[in-house]
Amino acid sequence: MLGVVPLENGGRASNVGDVIHRGAKMTILIFGQGLNGALTASISGPPDIVISNPRGVTSIDGVSGVSFDVAVSSNAALGARTVRLRSPHDDLTTFTGGLEVLP
């Protein structure tokens, strides 16, 4: 489950992903079994989305997850992106097309 929410403001995630707009500074929430703050996040595509402040989170239902802040360039490439989470042991979890950049 993935959601895009205002910085440090909580919010919702869904199994269909979410959208983010060019120039936005938001927090991405991802929940799922085995996810935690030890995971390193990356986003596919050109390097026009900067990731910062990764941390472990827990949903109100008790599901573990990870969140991180992103800053999207004002001229970021439009379209769907894959969000990747890598463990310290090189296990990879992906949400293919889970984040869409819009104008």
Protein backbone atom coordinates (compact mmCIF):
# COMPACT_ATOMS: atom_id res chain seq x y z
CA MET A 1 0.00 0.00 0.00
CA LEU A 2 1.36 3.41 -0.96
CA GLY A 3 0.16 6.94 -0.27
CA VAL A 4 1.38 10.50 -0.85
CA VAL A 5 0.62 12.89 2.01
CA PRO A 6 1.65 16.37 3.17
CA LEU A 7 5.05 16.42 4.91
CA GLU A 8 4.99 14.91 8.40
CA ASN A 9 1.18 14.88 8.45
CA GLY A 10 0.08 11.23 8.48
CA GLY A 11 -2.46 10.11 5.91
CA ARG A 12 -3.70 7.13 3.92
CA ALA A 13 -2.19 4.57 1.59
CA SER A 14 -3.90 2.34 -0.96
CA ASN A 15 -3.07 -0.74 -2.99
CA VAL A 16 -3.40 1.20 -6.26
CA GLY A 17 -0.63 3.72 -5.49
CA ASP A 18 -0.88 7.49 -5.68
CA VAL A 19 0.06 10.60 -7.65
CA ILE A 20 2.45 13.45 -6.99
CA HIS A 21 2.82 16.74 -8.84
CA ARG A 22 5.85 18.48 -10.29
CA GLY A 23 7.38 20.85 -7.75
CA ALA A 24 5.75 19.09 -4.78
CA LYS A 25 7.39 18.34 -1.44
CA MET A 26 5.46 15.47 0.15
CA THR A 27 5.83 12.34 2.28
CA ILE A 28 5.42 8.88 0.78
CA LEU A 29 3.96 6.18 3.03
CA ILE A 30 4.33 2.49 2.21
CA PHE A 31 2.86 -0.27 4.37
CA GLY A 32 3.28 -4.03 4.14
CA GLN A 33 4.51 -7.10 5.92
CA GLY A 34 8.22 -6.91 6.71
CA LEU A 35 8.67 -3.24 5.80
CA ASN A 36 10.66 -1.10 8.23
CA GLY A 37 12.96 1.90 8.55
CA ALA A 38 16.08 -0.15 7.69
CA LEU A 39 15.03 -0.24 4.02
CA THR A 40 16.58 2.07 1.44
CA ALA A 41 14.10 3.70 -0.94
CA SER A 42 14.63 4.63 -4.58
CA ILE A 43 12.33 5.72 -7.39
CA SER A 44 12.74 4.66 -11.03
CA GLY A 45 13.26 7.13 -13.84
CA PRO A 46 15.49 10.16 -14.17
CA PRO A 47 17.00 11.63 -10.99
CA ASP A 48 14.32 14.32 -10.68
CA ILE A 49 12.82 13.16 -7.35
CA VAL A 50 15.03 13.59 -4.27
CA ILE A 51 14.41 11.25 -1.32
CA SER A 52 15.20 12.24 2.27
CA ASN A 53 14.37 11.43 5.90
CA PRO A 54 13.54 7.69 5.64
CA ARG A 55 11.91 6.24 8.77
CA GLY A 56 9.90 3.29 10.01
CA VAL A 57 6.18 3.83 10.64
CA THR A 58 3.17 1.82 11.81
CA SER A 59 -0.38 2.19 10.48
CA ILE A 60 -3.34 2.66 12.82
CA ASP A 61 -4.12 -1.01 12.04
CA GLY A 62 -0.68 -2.06 13.32
CA VAL A 63 0.86 -2.76 9.89
CA SER A 64 4.56 -1.89 9.68
CA GLY A 65 5.90 0.34 6.96
CA VAL A 66 8.34 2.97 5.87
CA SER A 67 7.94 6.62 5.00
CA PHE A 68 10.26 9.13 3.40
CA ASP A 69 10.07 12.70 2.18
CA VAL A 70 10.41 13.57 -1.49
CA ALA A 71 11.02 16.75 -3.42
CA VAL A 72 9.90 16.58 -7.05
CA SER A 73 11.67 18.80 -9.56
CA SER A 74 9.48 21.41 -11.27
CA ASN A 75 10.36 19.86 -14.63
CA ALA A 76 10.26 16.19 -13.55
CA ALA A 77 9.47 13.64 -16.23
CA LEU A 78 5.76 12.82 -16.26
CA GLY A 79 4.38 9.32 -15.89
CA ALA A 80 4.40 6.24 -13.70
CA ARG A 81 7.40 5.39 -11.52
CA THR A 82 8.36 2.25 -9.66
CA VAL A 83 9.14 2.65 -5.97
CA ARG A 84 11.85 0.25 -4.80
CA LEU A 85 12.75 -0.70 -1.22
CA ARG A 86 16.05 -2.54 -0.65
CA SER A 87 16.99 -4.29 2.59
CA PRO A 88 20.50 -4.33 4.07
CA HIS A 89 20.65 -7.97 2.81
CA ASP A 90 19.83 -6.86 -0.78
CA ASP A 91 16.23 -8.14 -0.73
CA LEU A 92 14.17 -5.96 -3.06
CA THR A 93 10.50 -4.99 -2.79
CA THR A 94 8.91 -2.98 -5.61
CA PHE A 95 5.63 -1.23 -6.28
CA THR A 96 5.67 -1.11 -10.08
CA GLY A 97 4.01 2.04 -11.36
CA GLY A 98 2.92 2.86 -7.79
CA LEU A 99 3.78 6.56 -8.04
CA GLU A 100 2.66 8.75 -10.93
CA VAL A 101 4.17 12.18 -11.60
CA LEU A 102 1.63 14.69 -12.94
CA PRO A 103 2.03 18.34 -14.07
